[in-house]
N, C-alpha and C. Protein backbone atom coordinates (compact mmCIF):
# COMPACT_ATOMS: atom_id res chain seq x y z
N MET A 1 -0.54 -2.71 22.15
CA MET A 1 -1.00 -3.23 20.86
C MET A 1 0.13 -4.00 20.19
N LYS A 2 -0.25 -5.06 19.52
CA LYS A 2 0.73 -5.85 18.79
C LYS A 2 1.30 -5.04 17.63
N LYS A 3 2.60 -5.20 17.39
CA LYS A 3 3.20 -4.57 16.23
C LYS A 3 2.83 -5.37 15.00
N ASN A 4 2.33 -4.69 13.99
CA ASN A 4 1.93 -5.40 12.80
C ASN A 4 2.43 -4.69 11.56
N LEU A 5 2.41 -5.39 10.45
CA LEU A 5 2.89 -4.87 9.18
C LEU A 5 1.74 -4.75 8.21
N ILE A 6 1.89 -3.84 7.25
CA ILE A 6 0.97 -3.76 6.13
C ILE A 6 1.74 -4.18 4.89
N ILE A 7 1.30 -5.28 4.28
CA ILE A 7 1.97 -5.81 3.09
C ILE A 7 1.06 -5.56 1.90
N ASN A 8 1.56 -4.84 0.92
CA ASN A 8 0.77 -4.45 -0.25
C ASN A 8 1.08 -5.33 -1.45
N PHE A 9 0.03 -5.75 -2.12
CA PHE A 9 0.15 -6.49 -3.38
C PHE A 9 -0.62 -5.72 -4.45
N PRO A 10 -0.04 -5.46 -5.61
CA PRO A 10 -0.77 -4.76 -6.68
C PRO A 10 -2.05 -5.51 -7.07
N THR A 11 -1.95 -6.83 -7.19
CA THR A 11 -3.09 -7.66 -7.58
C THR A 11 -3.05 -8.97 -6.82
N LEU A 12 -4.21 -9.42 -6.37
CA LEU A 12 -4.34 -10.73 -5.73
C LEU A 12 -5.63 -11.38 -6.19
N ILE A 13 -5.64 -12.69 -6.20
CA ILE A 13 -6.91 -13.40 -6.40
C ILE A 13 -7.83 -13.09 -5.24
N SER A 14 -7.30 -13.18 -4.01
CA SER A 14 -8.08 -12.92 -2.81
C SER A 14 -7.12 -12.68 -1.65
N THR A 15 -7.38 -11.66 -0.85
CA THR A 15 -6.54 -11.42 0.32
C THR A 15 -6.70 -12.55 1.34
N GLN A 16 -7.89 -13.14 1.42
CA GLN A 16 -8.11 -14.27 2.32
C GLN A 16 -7.26 -15.47 1.89
N LEU A 17 -7.28 -15.78 0.60
CA LEU A 17 -6.50 -16.92 0.10
C LEU A 17 -5.01 -16.67 0.25
N GLN A 18 -4.59 -15.42 0.08
CA GLN A 18 -3.17 -15.10 0.23
C GLN A 18 -2.69 -15.40 1.65
N ILE A 19 -3.48 -15.02 2.63
CA ILE A 19 -3.09 -15.29 4.02
C ILE A 19 -3.08 -16.79 4.29
N LYS A 20 -4.06 -17.51 3.76
CA LYS A 20 -4.08 -18.97 3.95
C LYS A 20 -2.81 -19.61 3.39
N GLU A 21 -2.39 -19.17 2.22
CA GLU A 21 -1.16 -19.71 1.62
C GLU A 21 0.05 -19.37 2.48
N MET A 22 0.10 -18.16 3.01
CA MET A 22 1.23 -17.75 3.85
C MET A 22 1.25 -18.53 5.17
N ILE A 23 0.07 -18.76 5.74
CA ILE A 23 0.00 -19.55 6.97
C ILE A 23 0.46 -20.98 6.71
N ALA A 24 -0.04 -21.56 5.62
CA ALA A 24 0.33 -22.94 5.28
C ALA A 24 1.82 -23.07 5.03
N SER A 25 2.43 -22.00 4.50
CA SER A 25 3.87 -22.01 4.22
C SER A 25 4.70 -21.57 5.42
N GLN A 26 4.02 -21.24 6.52
CA GLN A 26 4.65 -20.82 7.77
C GLN A 26 5.47 -19.54 7.60
N ILE A 27 4.99 -18.65 6.74
CA ILE A 27 5.68 -17.36 6.57
C ILE A 27 4.81 -16.19 7.01
N TYR A 28 3.60 -16.48 7.47
CA TYR A 28 2.73 -15.39 7.90
C TYR A 28 3.07 -14.98 9.32
N LYS A 29 3.16 -13.67 9.55
CA LYS A 29 3.39 -13.13 10.88
C LYS A 29 2.06 -12.60 11.42
N GLU A 30 1.62 -13.15 12.54
CA GLU A 30 0.32 -12.77 13.10
C GLU A 30 0.19 -11.26 13.21
N HIS A 31 -1.00 -10.75 12.90
CA HIS A 31 -1.36 -9.33 12.94
C HIS A 31 -0.89 -8.56 11.70
N SER A 32 -0.23 -9.22 10.76
CA SER A 32 0.14 -8.53 9.53
C SER A 32 -1.10 -8.33 8.66
N PHE A 33 -1.21 -7.16 8.06
CA PHE A 33 -2.34 -6.84 7.18
C PHE A 33 -1.91 -7.07 5.74
N ILE A 34 -2.73 -7.79 5.00
CA ILE A 34 -2.50 -8.03 3.57
C ILE A 34 -3.48 -7.17 2.79
N HIS A 35 -2.96 -6.27 1.98
CA HIS A 35 -3.80 -5.32 1.24
C HIS A 35 -3.55 -5.44 -0.26
N THR A 36 -4.60 -5.26 -1.04
CA THR A 36 -4.44 -5.19 -2.49
C THR A 36 -5.38 -4.13 -3.05
N SER A 37 -4.95 -3.52 -4.15
CA SER A 37 -5.81 -2.55 -4.85
C SER A 37 -6.63 -3.21 -5.94
N ASN A 38 -6.34 -4.48 -6.22
CA ASN A 38 -7.05 -5.17 -7.30
C ASN A 38 -7.25 -6.63 -6.92
N GLN A 39 -8.40 -6.94 -6.36
CA GLN A 39 -8.74 -8.31 -5.98
C GLN A 39 -9.66 -8.88 -7.05
N ILE A 40 -9.21 -9.92 -7.72
CA ILE A 40 -9.93 -10.36 -8.92
C ILE A 40 -10.94 -11.48 -8.67
N ASN A 41 -10.85 -12.13 -7.53
CA ASN A 41 -11.83 -13.20 -7.24
C ASN A 41 -12.05 -13.32 -5.74
N GLY A 42 -12.38 -12.19 -5.12
CA GLY A 42 -12.65 -12.21 -3.69
C GLY A 42 -14.02 -12.79 -3.41
N TYR A 43 -14.28 -13.04 -2.14
CA TYR A 43 -15.57 -13.63 -1.75
C TYR A 43 -15.97 -13.16 -0.36
N GLY A 44 -17.27 -13.21 -0.13
CA GLY A 44 -17.81 -12.85 1.17
C GLY A 44 -18.44 -14.06 1.84
N ARG A 45 -19.32 -13.81 2.80
CA ARG A 45 -20.02 -14.91 3.46
C ARG A 45 -20.85 -15.65 2.44
N GLY A 46 -20.87 -16.98 2.55
CA GLY A 46 -21.60 -17.79 1.59
C GLY A 46 -20.93 -17.85 0.24
N ARG A 47 -19.65 -17.46 0.20
CA ARG A 47 -18.84 -17.47 -1.03
C ARG A 47 -19.41 -16.55 -2.10
N THR A 48 -20.15 -15.52 -1.70
CA THR A 48 -20.60 -14.53 -2.67
C THR A 48 -19.39 -13.78 -3.21
N ASN A 49 -19.45 -13.39 -4.47
CA ASN A 49 -18.32 -12.71 -5.10
C ASN A 49 -18.14 -11.31 -4.53
N TRP A 50 -16.88 -10.92 -4.34
CA TRP A 50 -16.55 -9.57 -3.90
C TRP A 50 -15.39 -9.09 -4.74
N TYR A 51 -15.72 -8.35 -5.81
CA TYR A 51 -14.70 -7.80 -6.70
C TYR A 51 -14.25 -6.45 -6.16
N SER A 52 -12.94 -6.24 -6.12
CA SER A 52 -12.41 -4.99 -5.57
C SER A 52 -11.47 -4.34 -6.57
N SER A 53 -11.68 -3.05 -6.80
CA SER A 53 -10.81 -2.30 -7.68
C SER A 53 -10.17 -1.17 -6.89
N LYS A 54 -9.56 -0.24 -7.60
CA LYS A 54 -8.78 0.82 -6.97
C LYS A 54 -9.57 1.62 -5.94
N GLY A 55 -10.86 1.81 -6.17
CA GLY A 55 -11.65 2.63 -5.26
C GLY A 55 -12.13 1.94 -4.01
N THR A 56 -11.74 0.68 -3.83
CA THR A 56 -12.18 -0.10 -2.68
C THR A 56 -11.00 -0.41 -1.77
N LEU A 57 -11.19 -0.25 -0.48
CA LEU A 57 -10.19 -0.69 0.49
C LEU A 57 -10.45 -2.16 0.78
N THR A 58 -9.48 -3.00 0.43
CA THR A 58 -9.61 -4.45 0.57
C THR A 58 -8.40 -4.99 1.32
N PHE A 59 -8.64 -5.61 2.48
CA PHE A 59 -7.52 -6.16 3.23
C PHE A 59 -7.98 -7.29 4.13
N SER A 60 -7.02 -8.10 4.54
CA SER A 60 -7.27 -9.20 5.48
C SER A 60 -6.13 -9.26 6.48
N TYR A 61 -6.41 -9.84 7.62
CA TYR A 61 -5.37 -10.10 8.62
C TYR A 61 -5.80 -11.32 9.42
N ALA A 62 -4.86 -11.93 10.11
CA ALA A 62 -5.16 -13.14 10.88
C ALA A 62 -4.68 -12.98 12.32
N ILE A 63 -5.52 -13.42 13.24
CA ILE A 63 -5.19 -13.38 14.66
C ILE A 63 -5.63 -14.70 15.29
N LYS A 64 -5.02 -15.04 16.40
CA LYS A 64 -5.40 -16.26 17.12
C LYS A 64 -6.50 -15.97 18.14
N HIS A 65 -6.74 -14.71 18.37
CA HIS A 65 -7.78 -14.25 19.28
C HIS A 65 -9.14 -14.39 18.61
N ASN A 66 -10.13 -14.98 19.31
CA ASN A 66 -11.48 -15.09 18.77
C ASN A 66 -12.19 -13.74 18.84
N GLN A 67 -12.67 -13.28 17.72
CA GLN A 67 -13.33 -11.98 17.68
C GLN A 67 -14.67 -12.11 16.96
N LYS A 68 -15.66 -11.40 17.44
CA LYS A 68 -17.01 -11.50 16.89
C LYS A 68 -17.20 -10.49 15.74
N TYR A 69 -18.12 -10.83 14.85
CA TYR A 69 -18.44 -9.93 13.74
C TYR A 69 -18.80 -8.53 14.24
N LEU A 70 -19.65 -8.46 15.25
CA LEU A 70 -20.13 -7.16 15.70
C LEU A 70 -19.04 -6.34 16.36
N ALA A 71 -18.04 -7.00 16.95
CA ALA A 71 -16.90 -6.27 17.51
C ALA A 71 -16.06 -5.67 16.39
N ILE A 72 -15.83 -6.44 15.33
CA ILE A 72 -15.06 -5.93 14.19
C ILE A 72 -15.80 -4.77 13.54
N LEU A 73 -17.11 -4.91 13.36
CA LEU A 73 -17.90 -3.83 12.78
C LEU A 73 -17.87 -2.58 13.66
N THR A 74 -17.88 -2.76 14.97
CA THR A 74 -17.77 -1.62 15.88
C THR A 74 -16.42 -0.94 15.71
N ASN A 75 -15.36 -1.71 15.54
CA ASN A 75 -14.03 -1.13 15.34
C ASN A 75 -13.97 -0.33 14.04
N ILE A 76 -14.63 -0.83 13.00
CA ILE A 76 -14.71 -0.09 11.74
C ILE A 76 -15.52 1.19 11.94
N LYS A 77 -16.62 1.08 12.68
CA LYS A 77 -17.46 2.24 12.97
C LYS A 77 -16.66 3.32 13.70
N ASP A 78 -15.87 2.92 14.69
CA ASP A 78 -15.05 3.87 15.44
C ASP A 78 -13.98 4.51 14.55
N THR A 79 -13.39 3.69 13.68
CA THR A 79 -12.36 4.20 12.77
C THR A 79 -12.94 5.26 11.84
N LEU A 80 -14.05 4.95 11.21
CA LEU A 80 -14.66 5.89 10.27
C LEU A 80 -15.20 7.13 10.97
N ARG A 81 -15.68 6.97 12.19
CA ARG A 81 -16.13 8.13 12.98
C ARG A 81 -14.98 9.11 13.17
N ASP A 82 -13.80 8.59 13.47
CA ASP A 82 -12.63 9.46 13.64
C ASP A 82 -12.28 10.22 12.37
N LEU A 83 -12.69 9.67 11.23
CA LEU A 83 -12.40 10.29 9.94
C LEU A 83 -13.59 11.08 9.39
N GLY A 84 -14.61 11.26 10.24
CA GLY A 84 -15.74 12.10 9.87
C GLY A 84 -16.86 11.41 9.14
N VAL A 85 -16.87 10.07 9.13
CA VAL A 85 -17.89 9.31 8.41
C VAL A 85 -18.73 8.51 9.40
N LYS A 86 -20.05 8.68 9.34
CA LYS A 86 -20.96 7.94 10.21
C LYS A 86 -21.56 6.78 9.44
N ILE A 87 -21.43 5.58 9.99
CA ILE A 87 -21.99 4.40 9.34
C ILE A 87 -23.01 3.73 10.25
N GLU A 88 -23.77 2.81 9.66
CA GLU A 88 -24.65 1.94 10.43
C GLU A 88 -24.17 0.51 10.26
N ILE A 89 -24.47 -0.31 11.25
CA ILE A 89 -24.12 -1.73 11.22
C ILE A 89 -25.39 -2.53 10.99
N LYS A 90 -25.32 -3.48 10.06
CA LYS A 90 -26.46 -4.38 9.85
C LYS A 90 -26.03 -5.81 10.18
N TRP A 91 -26.76 -6.44 11.09
CA TRP A 91 -26.44 -7.81 11.48
C TRP A 91 -26.52 -8.72 10.26
N PRO A 92 -25.58 -9.66 10.07
CA PRO A 92 -24.47 -9.88 11.01
C PRO A 92 -23.15 -9.23 10.61
N ASN A 93 -23.01 -8.74 9.34
CA ASN A 93 -21.65 -8.37 8.92
C ASN A 93 -21.57 -7.25 7.89
N ASP A 94 -22.61 -6.44 7.78
CA ASP A 94 -22.63 -5.41 6.74
C ASP A 94 -22.38 -4.01 7.29
N ILE A 95 -21.78 -3.18 6.43
CA ILE A 95 -21.51 -1.78 6.73
C ILE A 95 -22.40 -0.94 5.83
N LEU A 96 -23.21 -0.06 6.42
CA LEU A 96 -24.19 0.72 5.66
C LEU A 96 -24.02 2.21 5.88
N ILE A 97 -24.43 2.98 4.86
CA ILE A 97 -24.65 4.42 5.00
C ILE A 97 -26.01 4.71 4.37
N ASN A 98 -26.91 5.29 5.15
CA ASN A 98 -28.27 5.57 4.66
C ASN A 98 -28.93 4.33 4.06
N LYS A 99 -28.69 3.18 4.70
CA LYS A 99 -29.25 1.88 4.31
C LYS A 99 -28.65 1.30 3.03
N PHE A 100 -27.64 1.96 2.47
CA PHE A 100 -26.92 1.41 1.32
C PHE A 100 -25.67 0.67 1.82
N LYS A 101 -25.47 -0.54 1.33
CA LYS A 101 -24.29 -1.30 1.73
C LYS A 101 -23.05 -0.74 1.05
N ILE A 102 -22.04 -0.40 1.86
CA ILE A 102 -20.78 0.09 1.30
C ILE A 102 -19.60 -0.82 1.70
N GLY A 103 -19.88 -1.88 2.42
CA GLY A 103 -18.80 -2.78 2.80
C GLY A 103 -19.28 -3.94 3.64
N GLY A 104 -18.34 -4.81 3.96
CA GLY A 104 -18.68 -5.97 4.76
C GLY A 104 -17.46 -6.62 5.37
N VAL A 105 -17.72 -7.61 6.21
CA VAL A 105 -16.68 -8.31 6.97
C VAL A 105 -16.87 -9.81 6.77
N LEU A 106 -15.76 -10.52 6.72
CA LEU A 106 -15.77 -11.98 6.64
C LEU A 106 -14.79 -12.53 7.67
N ILE A 107 -15.21 -13.54 8.42
CA ILE A 107 -14.32 -14.25 9.34
C ILE A 107 -14.26 -15.71 8.92
N GLU A 108 -13.05 -16.22 8.74
CA GLU A 108 -12.85 -17.64 8.43
C GLU A 108 -11.85 -18.23 9.41
N LYS A 109 -12.15 -19.42 9.89
CA LYS A 109 -11.20 -20.13 10.74
C LYS A 109 -10.31 -20.99 9.85
N TYR A 110 -9.00 -20.87 10.07
CA TYR A 110 -8.05 -21.64 9.27
C TYR A 110 -6.87 -22.03 10.16
N MET A 111 -6.68 -23.34 10.32
CA MET A 111 -5.67 -23.86 11.24
C MET A 111 -5.94 -23.24 12.61
N ASN A 112 -4.97 -22.58 13.21
CA ASN A 112 -5.22 -22.00 14.54
C ASN A 112 -5.42 -20.49 14.48
N TYR A 113 -5.84 -20.00 13.32
CA TYR A 113 -6.05 -18.57 13.12
C TYR A 113 -7.51 -18.25 12.80
N ASN A 114 -7.88 -17.03 13.09
CA ASN A 114 -9.11 -16.43 12.57
C ASN A 114 -8.69 -15.41 11.52
N ILE A 115 -9.07 -15.65 10.28
CA ILE A 115 -8.71 -14.73 9.20
C ILE A 115 -9.88 -13.78 8.97
N ILE A 116 -9.60 -12.50 9.10
CA ILE A 116 -10.63 -11.47 9.00
C ILE A 116 -10.42 -10.67 7.73
N GLY A 117 -11.43 -10.67 6.88
CA GLY A 117 -11.38 -9.91 5.64
C GLY A 117 -12.35 -8.75 5.69
N ILE A 118 -11.89 -7.59 5.22
CA ILE A 118 -12.72 -6.38 5.24
C ILE A 118 -12.67 -5.71 3.88
N GLY A 119 -13.83 -5.35 3.37
CA GLY A 119 -13.91 -4.58 2.14
C GLY A 119 -14.80 -3.37 2.34
N ILE A 120 -14.32 -2.18 1.97
CA ILE A 120 -15.08 -0.94 2.12
C ILE A 120 -14.96 -0.15 0.82
N ASN A 121 -16.09 0.18 0.23
CA ASN A 121 -16.07 0.95 -1.01
C ASN A 121 -15.91 2.44 -0.70
N LEU A 122 -14.74 2.96 -1.04
CA LEU A 122 -14.45 4.36 -0.77
C LEU A 122 -14.96 5.27 -1.88
N TYR A 123 -14.64 4.90 -3.14
CA TYR A 123 -15.08 5.77 -4.25
C TYR A 123 -15.28 5.03 -5.57
N ASN A 124 -15.40 3.73 -5.54
CA ASN A 124 -15.72 2.96 -6.74
C ASN A 124 -17.14 3.33 -7.20
N THR A 125 -17.26 3.81 -8.43
CA THR A 125 -18.55 4.34 -8.89
C THR A 125 -19.54 3.27 -9.32
N ASN A 126 -19.12 2.01 -9.37
CA ASN A 126 -20.03 0.94 -9.81
C ASN A 126 -21.03 0.54 -8.73
N TYR A 127 -20.74 0.90 -7.49
CA TYR A 127 -21.60 0.53 -6.35
C TYR A 127 -21.67 1.73 -5.40
N PRO A 128 -22.64 1.74 -4.46
CA PRO A 128 -22.68 2.82 -3.48
C PRO A 128 -21.35 2.94 -2.74
N SER A 129 -20.88 4.15 -2.57
CA SER A 129 -19.57 4.37 -1.95
C SER A 129 -19.66 5.46 -0.89
N ILE A 130 -18.63 5.53 -0.06
CA ILE A 130 -18.57 6.59 0.95
C ILE A 130 -18.57 7.96 0.28
N LYS A 131 -17.80 8.12 -0.78
CA LYS A 131 -17.74 9.41 -1.47
C LYS A 131 -19.10 9.81 -2.04
N GLU A 132 -19.78 8.87 -2.67
CA GLU A 132 -21.08 9.18 -3.26
C GLU A 132 -22.10 9.56 -2.21
N LEU A 133 -22.10 8.86 -1.08
CA LEU A 133 -23.16 9.03 -0.08
C LEU A 133 -22.87 10.14 0.92
N THR A 134 -21.60 10.50 1.10
CA THR A 134 -21.25 11.53 2.09
C THR A 134 -20.49 12.71 1.51
N GLY A 135 -19.93 12.54 0.32
CA GLY A 135 -19.09 13.58 -0.26
C GLY A 135 -17.67 13.59 0.28
N ILE A 136 -17.35 12.63 1.14
CA ILE A 136 -16.02 12.57 1.75
C ILE A 136 -15.14 11.58 0.99
N LEU A 137 -13.98 12.05 0.55
CA LEU A 137 -13.03 11.20 -0.14
C LEU A 137 -11.93 10.80 0.84
N LEU A 138 -11.92 9.53 1.22
CA LEU A 138 -10.95 9.04 2.20
C LEU A 138 -9.73 8.46 1.51
N ASN A 139 -8.59 8.66 2.14
CA ASN A 139 -7.36 8.01 1.70
C ASN A 139 -7.33 6.61 2.32
N LYS A 140 -7.20 5.60 1.48
CA LYS A 140 -7.31 4.23 1.98
C LYS A 140 -6.22 3.89 2.99
N PHE A 141 -5.02 4.42 2.80
CA PHE A 141 -3.96 4.07 3.73
C PHE A 141 -4.10 4.82 5.05
N ALA A 142 -4.68 6.01 5.01
CA ALA A 142 -4.99 6.71 6.26
C ALA A 142 -6.05 5.94 7.04
N LEU A 143 -7.04 5.41 6.32
CA LEU A 143 -8.09 4.61 6.97
C LEU A 143 -7.51 3.33 7.55
N LEU A 144 -6.66 2.68 6.78
CA LEU A 144 -6.06 1.42 7.22
C LEU A 144 -5.19 1.64 8.45
N THR A 145 -4.41 2.71 8.43
CA THR A 145 -3.55 3.03 9.57
C THR A 145 -4.39 3.35 10.81
N LYS A 146 -5.46 4.10 10.62
CA LYS A 146 -6.34 4.44 11.74
C LYS A 146 -7.01 3.19 12.31
N TYR A 147 -7.39 2.25 11.44
CA TYR A 147 -8.05 1.03 11.90
C TYR A 147 -7.15 0.22 12.82
N ARG A 148 -5.86 0.28 12.60
CA ARG A 148 -4.92 -0.47 13.45
C ARG A 148 -4.99 -0.02 14.91
N LYS A 149 -5.52 1.17 15.14
CA LYS A 149 -5.69 1.66 16.51
C LYS A 149 -6.77 0.87 17.25
N TYR A 150 -7.74 0.34 16.49
CA TYR A 150 -8.92 -0.27 17.10
C TYR A 150 -9.04 -1.78 16.91
N TYR A 151 -8.31 -2.37 15.99
CA TYR A 151 -8.69 -3.68 15.46
C TYR A 151 -8.74 -4.82 16.47
N LEU A 152 -8.10 -4.69 17.61
CA LEU A 152 -8.14 -5.76 18.61
C LEU A 152 -9.20 -5.54 19.69
N ASN A 153 -9.93 -4.45 19.60
CA ASN A 153 -10.96 -4.17 20.61
C ASN A 153 -12.12 -5.16 20.48
N ASP A 154 -12.73 -5.48 21.61
CA ASP A 154 -13.83 -6.45 21.62
C ASP A 154 -15.18 -5.85 22.00
N LYS A 155 -15.23 -4.53 22.20
CA LYS A 155 -16.52 -3.93 22.59
C LYS A 155 -17.49 -3.99 21.41
N ILE A 156 -18.77 -4.00 21.72
CA ILE A 156 -19.81 -4.02 20.70
C ILE A 156 -20.73 -2.82 20.92
N ASP A 157 -20.82 -1.96 19.91
CA ASP A 157 -21.69 -0.79 19.94
C ASP A 157 -22.72 -0.96 18.83
N PHE A 158 -23.82 -1.60 19.16
CA PHE A 158 -24.79 -1.97 18.13
C PHE A 158 -26.18 -2.01 18.72
N PHE A 159 -27.13 -1.45 18.00
CA PHE A 159 -28.53 -1.47 18.45
C PHE A 159 -29.37 -2.17 17.39
N MET A 160 -30.24 -3.05 17.85
CA MET A 160 -31.18 -3.71 16.96
C MET A 160 -32.58 -3.52 17.53
N GLU A 161 -33.58 -3.66 16.67
CA GLU A 161 -34.96 -3.53 17.15
C GLU A 161 -35.23 -4.53 18.28
N GLU A 162 -36.21 -4.19 19.14
CA GLU A 162 -36.55 -5.09 20.25
C GLU A 162 -37.28 -6.33 19.75
N PHE A 163 -38.01 -6.17 18.64
CA PHE A 163 -38.76 -7.29 18.07
C PHE A 163 -38.39 -7.44 16.60
N ILE A 164 -38.58 -8.66 16.08
CA ILE A 164 -38.24 -8.95 14.69
C ILE A 164 -39.20 -10.00 14.15
N PHE A 165 -39.46 -9.97 12.85
CA PHE A 165 -40.30 -10.99 12.22
C PHE A 165 -39.46 -12.21 11.84
N HIS A 166 -39.93 -13.38 12.27
CA HIS A 166 -39.26 -14.64 11.93
C HIS A 166 -40.33 -15.70 11.72
N ASN A 167 -40.32 -16.34 10.56
CA ASN A 167 -41.34 -17.36 10.22
C ASN A 167 -42.76 -16.81 10.39
N ASN A 168 -42.94 -15.57 9.93
CA ASN A 168 -44.25 -14.90 9.98
C ASN A 168 -44.77 -14.68 11.39
N LYS A 169 -43.88 -14.67 12.36
CA LYS A 169 -44.25 -14.40 13.74
C LYS A 169 -43.41 -13.24 14.27
N ILE A 170 -44.00 -12.50 15.20
CA ILE A 170 -43.24 -11.44 15.87
C ILE A 170 -42.48 -12.08 17.02
N CYS A 171 -41.17 -11.93 17.00
CA CYS A 171 -40.32 -12.52 18.05
C CYS A 171 -39.57 -11.43 18.79
N LYS A 172 -39.42 -11.63 20.07
CA LYS A 172 -38.63 -10.72 20.89
C LYS A 172 -37.16 -11.10 20.78
N ILE A 173 -36.30 -10.12 20.60
CA ILE A 173 -34.86 -10.38 20.53
C ILE A 173 -34.30 -10.40 21.96
N LEU A 174 -33.82 -11.55 22.38
CA LEU A 174 -33.27 -11.69 23.73
C LEU A 174 -31.80 -11.35 23.78
N ASN A 175 -31.08 -11.67 22.69
CA ASN A 175 -29.64 -11.40 22.67
C ASN A 175 -29.16 -11.26 21.23
N VAL A 176 -28.30 -10.27 21.02
CA VAL A 176 -27.70 -10.04 19.70
C VAL A 176 -26.22 -10.32 19.80
N ASP A 177 -25.78 -11.28 19.00
CA ASP A 177 -24.36 -11.64 18.95
C ASP A 177 -24.09 -12.03 17.51
N ASP A 178 -23.06 -12.83 17.26
CA ASP A 178 -22.89 -13.35 15.91
C ASP A 178 -24.12 -14.18 15.51
N ASP A 179 -24.79 -14.78 16.50
CA ASP A 179 -26.09 -15.40 16.30
C ASP A 179 -27.13 -14.60 17.09
N LEU A 180 -28.40 -14.80 16.75
CA LEU A 180 -29.49 -14.13 17.47
C LEU A 180 -30.23 -15.14 18.34
N LEU A 181 -30.66 -14.69 19.51
CA LEU A 181 -31.52 -15.50 20.37
C LEU A 181 -32.88 -14.84 20.42
N LEU A 182 -33.90 -15.56 19.94
CA LEU A 182 -35.26 -15.02 19.84
C LEU A 182 -36.23 -15.77 20.73
N LEU A 183 -37.30 -15.10 21.11
CA LEU A 183 -38.40 -15.71 21.86
C LEU A 183 -39.68 -15.45 21.08
N ASP A 184 -40.36 -16.53 20.64
CA ASP A 184 -41.57 -16.33 19.84
C ASP A 184 -42.80 -16.15 20.72
N GLU A 185 -43.95 -15.98 20.08
CA GLU A 185 -45.19 -15.66 20.79
C GLU A 185 -45.68 -16.81 21.66
N GLU A 186 -45.23 -18.04 21.35
CA GLU A 186 -45.62 -19.21 22.15
C GLU A 186 -44.64 -19.48 23.28
N GLY A 187 -43.62 -18.65 23.43
CA GLY A 187 -42.64 -18.83 24.49
C GLY A 187 -41.49 -19.73 24.11
N ASN A 188 -41.36 -20.08 22.84
CA ASN A 188 -40.25 -20.92 22.38
C ASN A 188 -39.03 -20.07 22.02
N LYS A 189 -37.87 -20.55 22.38
CA LYS A 189 -36.63 -19.84 22.06
C LYS A 189 -36.03 -20.40 20.77
N HIS A 190 -35.43 -19.51 19.98
CA HIS A 190 -34.81 -19.90 18.72
C HIS A 190 -33.43 -19.26 18.62
N VAL A 191 -32.43 -20.07 18.28
CA VAL A 191 -31.09 -19.55 18.00
C VAL A 191 -30.96 -19.41 16.49
N ILE A 192 -30.72 -18.20 16.02
CA ILE A 192 -30.66 -17.90 14.59
C ILE A 192 -29.20 -17.75 14.17
N SER A 193 -28.73 -18.68 13.38
CA SER A 193 -27.33 -18.67 12.94
C SER A 193 -27.12 -17.66 11.82
N ASN A 194 -26.03 -16.91 11.90
CA ASN A 194 -25.73 -15.95 10.83
C ASN A 194 -25.33 -16.66 9.54
N ASN A 195 -25.04 -17.95 9.63
CA ASN A 195 -24.71 -18.71 8.42
C ASN A 195 -25.96 -19.14 7.66
N SER A 196 -27.11 -19.11 8.32
CA SER A 196 -28.34 -19.60 7.70
C SER A 196 -29.33 -18.49 7.36
N TYR A 197 -29.17 -17.33 8.00
CA TYR A 197 -30.12 -16.24 7.81
C TYR A 197 -29.41 -14.92 7.56
N SER A 198 -30.09 -14.06 6.83
CA SER A 198 -29.66 -12.66 6.70
C SER A 198 -30.80 -11.79 7.20
N TYR A 199 -30.51 -10.51 7.39
CA TYR A 199 -31.49 -9.60 7.98
C TYR A 199 -31.97 -8.59 6.94
N ASP A 200 -33.27 -8.54 6.75
CA ASP A 200 -33.90 -7.55 5.87
C ASP A 200 -34.19 -6.32 6.71
N LEU A 201 -33.32 -5.31 6.58
CA LEU A 201 -33.43 -4.12 7.42
C LEU A 201 -34.71 -3.34 7.14
N THR A 202 -35.10 -3.24 5.88
CA THR A 202 -36.27 -2.46 5.50
C THR A 202 -37.55 -3.01 6.12
N ASN A 203 -37.69 -4.34 6.10
CA ASN A 203 -38.91 -4.98 6.62
C ASN A 203 -38.74 -5.57 8.01
N ASN A 204 -37.56 -5.41 8.59
CA ASN A 204 -37.27 -5.91 9.93
C ASN A 204 -37.63 -7.39 10.08
N LYS A 205 -37.11 -8.20 9.15
CA LYS A 205 -37.39 -9.63 9.24
C LYS A 205 -36.17 -10.43 8.81
N LEU A 206 -36.16 -11.69 9.22
CA LEU A 206 -35.07 -12.60 8.87
C LEU A 206 -35.39 -13.34 7.59
N ILE A 207 -34.38 -13.47 6.74
CA ILE A 207 -34.54 -14.15 5.46
C ILE A 207 -33.64 -15.38 5.45
N LYS A 208 -34.22 -16.54 5.23
CA LYS A 208 -33.43 -17.77 5.16
C LYS A 208 -32.66 -17.79 3.85
N LYS A 209 -31.39 -18.16 3.93
CA LYS A 209 -30.55 -18.17 2.72
C LYS A 209 -30.89 -19.36 1.84
């Protein structure tokens, strides 16, 4: 495993932006983790706001290795399993407990790096959290240290329904990756981009953004 550092900032606008600035200034060391307890203007996929306070584990890191959303989510799943917490993965980038979202993943390409941002609500009472849903209070630095054991793994441990609703049709799922490959009732194949669609877990259907 690559040797990496954890760099803590009391407050940041965004851990993703911080890494971009460090890369642009040529001071970022690959595999270093940037962590903050107070992210004041973070963002997720589609530039949705992601505010992080003390009860949220918020960090980013950059690697030159191409990694898929589902592999990163699997690594988070393995990390939390080791700490006694069982989560579910929702395509393409959400972390759930009992169908409540408690975190997510963002991947951005910048120069020759893939910047990976992760946010997990441990005990922030404003939103569903691991503590609220499981009764388990995790130490964020213990979780972060444990994640370093898995973060470069590429295996995917994820199950999705065999069929899904898309454009009011029942489609067979041929392949699950960062994008979905579907086969409709007329035999036509469709590639579903995670940038254009989200997944409605309750109704098992795709929602166009």
